[in-house]
Amino acid sequence: MKRIFSIFSSVLFFIGLAFYIAVLFGYDTFLLGGVIVSVIGFILALFGEKDIYKKIGLIGNGLIIFVTVLIPFIVTTFFWNEP
Protein backbone atom coordinates (compact mmCIF):
# COMPACT_ATOMS: atom_id res chain seq x y z
CA MET A 1 0.00 0.00 0.00
CA LYS A 2 2.85 2.37 0.80
CA ARG A 3 4.38 1.82 -2.63
CA ILE A 4 1.10 2.82 -4.25
CA PHE A 5 1.12 6.04 -2.21
CA SER A 6 4.63 6.84 -3.46
CA ILE A 7 3.83 6.18 -7.10
CA PHE A 8 0.54 8.08 -6.93
CA SER A 9 2.34 10.99 -5.26
CA SER A 10 4.81 11.30 -8.12
CA VAL A 11 1.96 11.04 -10.66
CA LEU A 12 0.17 13.86 -8.83
CA PHE A 13 3.37 15.89 -9.01
CA PHE A 14 3.39 15.66 -12.80
CA ILE A 15 -0.30 16.56 -12.93
CA GLY A 16 0.32 19.55 -10.66
CA LEU A 17 3.29 20.56 -12.80
CA ALA A 18 1.12 20.44 -15.92
CA PHE A 19 -1.48 22.62 -14.17
CA TYR A 20 1.18 25.11 -13.11
CA ILE A 21 2.61 25.29 -16.63
CA ALA A 22 -0.92 25.97 -17.90
CA VAL A 23 -1.17 28.81 -15.37
CA LEU A 24 2.08 30.26 -16.69
CA PHE A 25 0.56 30.30 -20.19
CA GLY A 26 -2.43 32.32 -18.97
CA TYR A 27 -5.05 29.79 -17.90
CA ASP A 28 -5.57 31.07 -14.36
CA THR A 29 -8.43 28.69 -13.60
CA PHE A 30 -5.98 25.81 -13.12
CA LEU A 31 -4.10 27.40 -10.19
CA LEU A 32 -6.35 26.17 -7.39
CA GLY A 33 -6.56 22.69 -8.89
CA GLY A 34 -2.79 22.50 -9.18
CA VAL A 35 -2.28 23.55 -5.56
CA ILE A 36 -4.86 21.05 -4.29
CA VAL A 37 -3.32 18.23 -6.33
CA SER A 38 0.15 19.14 -5.04
CA VAL A 39 -0.97 19.21 -1.40
CA ILE A 40 -2.60 15.80 -1.76
CA GLY A 41 0.53 14.48 -3.47
CA PHE A 42 2.75 15.89 -0.71
CA ILE A 43 0.65 14.26 2.01
CA LEU A 44 0.64 10.93 0.19
CA ALA A 45 4.42 11.12 -0.21
CA LEU A 46 4.80 11.50 3.55
CA PHE A 47 3.12 8.13 4.03
CA GLY A 48 4.75 6.42 1.06
CA GLU A 49 7.48 3.81 0.88
CA LYS A 50 11.06 5.05 0.96
CA ASP A 51 12.15 4.99 -2.69
CA ILE A 52 12.74 7.34 -5.61
CA TYR A 53 9.01 7.95 -6.10
CA LYS A 54 8.72 9.29 -2.57
CA LYS A 55 11.61 11.69 -3.19
CA ILE A 56 10.07 12.87 -6.45
CA GLY A 57 6.72 13.40 -4.73
CA LEU A 58 8.11 15.22 -1.71
CA ILE A 59 10.54 17.49 -3.53
CA GLY A 60 8.35 18.18 -6.57
CA ASN A 61 5.11 18.81 -4.74
CA GLY A 62 6.95 20.77 -2.07
CA LEU A 63 8.46 23.06 -4.70
CA ILE A 64 5.09 23.65 -6.33
CA ILE A 65 3.53 24.49 -2.96
CA PHE A 66 6.47 26.73 -2.10
CA VAL A 67 6.29 28.67 -5.37
CA THR A 68 2.50 29.01 -5.55
CA VAL A 69 1.58 29.54 -1.90
CA LEU A 70 4.50 30.51 0.33
CA ILE A 71 6.43 32.94 -1.87
CA PRO A 72 3.34 35.06 -2.76
CA PHE A 73 2.31 35.06 0.92
CA ILE A 74 5.75 36.25 2.04
CA VAL A 75 5.98 38.90 -0.68
CA THR A 76 2.53 40.35 -0.06
CA THR A 77 2.95 40.29 3.72
CA PHE A 78 6.43 41.67 4.19
CA PHE A 79 7.54 43.48 1.05
CA TRP A 80 4.42 44.81 -0.64
CA ASN A 81 2.75 46.52 2.28
CA GLU A 82 1.81 49.83 0.63
CA PRO A 83 -1.01 50.41 -1.84
C-alpha atoms as a PDB file:
ATOM      1  CA  MET A   1       0.000   0.000   0.000  1.00  0.00           C
ATOM      2  CA  LYS A   2       2.848   2.374   0.803  1.00  0.00           C
ATOM      3  CA  ARG A   3       4.384   1.825  -2.631  1.00  0.00           C
ATOM      4  CA  ILE A   4       1.097   2.818  -4.255  1.00  0.00           C
ATOM      5  CA  PHE A   5       1.122   6.041  -2.211  1.00  0.00           C
ATOM      6  CA  SER A   6       4.631   6.841  -3.461  1.00  0.00           C
ATOM      7  CA  ILE A   7       3.826   6.180  -7.099  1.00  0.00           C
ATOM      8  CA  PHE A   8       0.540   8.076  -6.926  1.00  0.00           C
ATOM      9  CA  SER A   9       2.338  10.989  -5.263  1.00  0.00           C
ATOM     10  CA  SER A  10       4.807  11.304  -8.120  1.00  0.00           C
ATOM     11  CA  VAL A  11       1.962  11.043 -10.658  1.00  0.00           C
ATOM     12  CA  LEU A  12       0.169  13.856  -8.828  1.00  0.00           C
ATOM     13  CA  PHE A  13       3.370  15.890  -9.009  1.00  0.00           C
ATOM     14  CA  PHE A  14       3.392  15.661 -12.801  1.00  0.00           C
ATOM     15  CA  ILE A  15      -0.300  16.563 -12.927  1.00  0.00           C
ATOM     16  CA  GLY A  16       0.323  19.553 -10.660  1.00  0.00           C
ATOM     17  CA  LEU A  17       3.293  20.555 -12.802  1.00  0.00           C
ATOM     18  CA  ALA A  18       1.115  20.441 -15.916  1.00  0.00           C
ATOM     19  CA  PHE A  19      -1.482  22.619 -14.170  1.00  0.00           C
ATOM     20  CA  TYR A  20       1.183  25.106 -13.114  1.00  0.00           C
ATOM     21  CA  ILE A  21       2.608  25.288 -16.634  1.00  0.00           C
ATOM     22  CA  ALA A  22      -0.922  25.969 -17.895  1.00  0.00           C
ATOM     23  CA  VAL A  23      -1.170  28.812 -15.374  1.00  0.00           C
ATOM     24  CA  LEU A  24       2.085  30.259 -16.694  1.00  0.00           C
ATOM     25  CA  PHE A  25       0.564  30.304 -20.187  1.00  0.00           C
ATOM     26  CA  GLY A  26      -2.429  32.324 -18.973  1.00  0.00           C
ATOM     27  CA  TYR A  27      -5.047  29.789 -17.900  1.00  0.00           C
ATOM     28  CA  ASP A  28      -5.571  31.072 -14.362  1.00  0.00           C
ATOM     29  CA  THR A  29      -8.429  28.692 -13.596  1.00  0.00           C
ATOM     30  CA  PHE A  30      -5.978  25.809 -13.118  1.00  0.00           C
ATOM     31  CA  LEU A  31      -4.103  27.402 -10.191  1.00  0.00           C
ATOM     32  CA  LEU A  32      -6.352  26.172  -7.392  1.00  0.00           C
ATOM     33  CA  GLY A  33      -6.564  22.694  -8.895  1.00  0.00           C
ATOM     34  CA  GLY A  34      -2.788  22.505  -9.177  1.00  0.00           C
ATOM     35  CA  VAL A  35      -2.282  23.546  -5.564  1.00  0.00           C
ATOM     36  CA  ILE A  36      -4.857  21.052  -4.287  1.00  0.00           C
ATOM     37  CA  VAL A  37      -3.318  18.230  -6.331  1.00  0.00           C
ATOM     38  CA  SER A  38       0.147  19.136  -5.041  1.00  0.00           C
ATOM     39  CA  VAL A  39      -0.974  19.215  -1.401  1.00  0.00           C
ATOM     40  CA  ILE A  40      -2.604  15.795  -1.764  1.00  0.00           C
ATOM     41  CA  GLY A  41       0.526  14.477  -3.466  1.00  0.00           C
ATOM     42  CA  PHE A  42       2.750  15.892  -0.709  1.00  0.00           C
ATOM     43  CA  ILE A  43       0.648  14.261   2.011  1.00  0.00           C
ATOM     44  CA  LEU A  44       0.636  10.929   0.191  1.00  0.00           C
ATOM     45  CA  ALA A  45       4.420  11.120  -0.210  1.00  0.00           C
ATOM     46  CA  LEU A  46       4.800  11.500   3.547  1.00  0.00           C
ATOM     47  CA  PHE A  47       3.121   8.127   4.025  1.00  0.00           C
ATOM     48  CA  GLY A  48       4.754   6.418   1.056  1.00  0.00           C
ATOM     49  CA  GLU A  49       7.483   3.815   0.879  1.00  0.00           C
ATOM     50  CA  LYS A  50      11.062   5.046   0.965  1.00  0.00           C
ATOM     51  CA  ASP A  51      12.146   4.994  -2.685  1.00  0.00           C
ATOM     52  CA  ILE A  52      12.739   7.337  -5.614  1.00  0.00           C
ATOM     53  CA  TYR A  53       9.008   7.949  -6.100  1.00  0.00           C
ATOM     54  CA  LYS A  54       8.725   9.295  -2.566  1.00  0.00           C
ATOM     55  CA  LYS A  55      11.606  11.693  -3.193  1.00  0.00           C
ATOM     56  CA  ILE A  56      10.067  12.872  -6.453  1.00  0.00           C
ATOM     57  CA  GLY A  57       6.716  13.397  -4.731  1.00  0.00           C
ATOM     58  CA  LEU A  58       8.109  15.221  -1.713  1.00  0.00           C
ATOM     59  CA  ILE A  59      10.537  17.489  -3.531  1.00  0.00           C
ATOM     60  CA  GLY A  60       8.352  18.181  -6.568  1.00  0.00           C
ATOM     61  CA  ASN A  61       5.107  18.806  -4.743  1.00  0.00           C
ATOM     62  CA  GLY A  62       6.953  20.766  -2.071  1.00  0.00           C
ATOM     63  CA  LEU A  63       8.459  23.057  -4.700  1.00  0.00           C
ATOM     64  CA  ILE A  64       5.085  23.655  -6.333  1.00  0.00           C
ATOM     65  CA  ILE A  65       3.525  24.486  -2.962  1.00  0.00           C
ATOM     66  CA  PHE A  66       6.468  26.732  -2.101  1.00  0.00           C
ATOM     67  CA  VAL A  67       6.293  28.670  -5.370  1.00  0.00           C
ATOM     68  CA  THR A  68       2.505  29.007  -5.552  1.00  0.00           C
ATOM     69  CA  VAL A  69       1.585  29.541  -1.899  1.00  0.00           C
ATOM     70  CA  LEU A  70       4.505  30.509   0.330  1.00  0.00           C
ATOM     71  CA  ILE A  71       6.429  32.943  -1.873  1.00  0.00           C
ATOM     72  CA  PRO A  72       3.336  35.058  -2.758  1.00  0.00           C
ATOM     73  CA  PHE A  73       2.308  35.056   0.924  1.00  0.00           C
ATOM     74  CA  ILE A  74       5.746  36.254   2.041  1.00  0.00           C
ATOM     75  CA  VAL A  75       5.976  38.899  -0.680  1.00  0.00           C
ATOM     76  CA  THR A  76       2.526  40.348  -0.060  1.00  0.00           C
ATOM     77  CA  THR A  77       2.951  40.294   3.718  1.00  0.00           C
ATOM     78  CA  PHE A  78       6.435  41.666   4.194  1.00  0.00           C
ATOM     79  CA  PHE A  79       7.545  43.484   1.052  1.00  0.00           C
ATOM     80  CA  TRP A  80       4.425  44.811  -0.644  1.00  0.00           C
ATOM     81  CA  ASN A  81       2.747  46.523   2.276  1.00  0.00           C
ATOM     82  CA  GLU A  82       1.805  49.827   0.625  1.00  0.00           C
ATOM     83  CA  PRO A  83      -1.005  50.412  -1.842  1.00  0.00           C
END
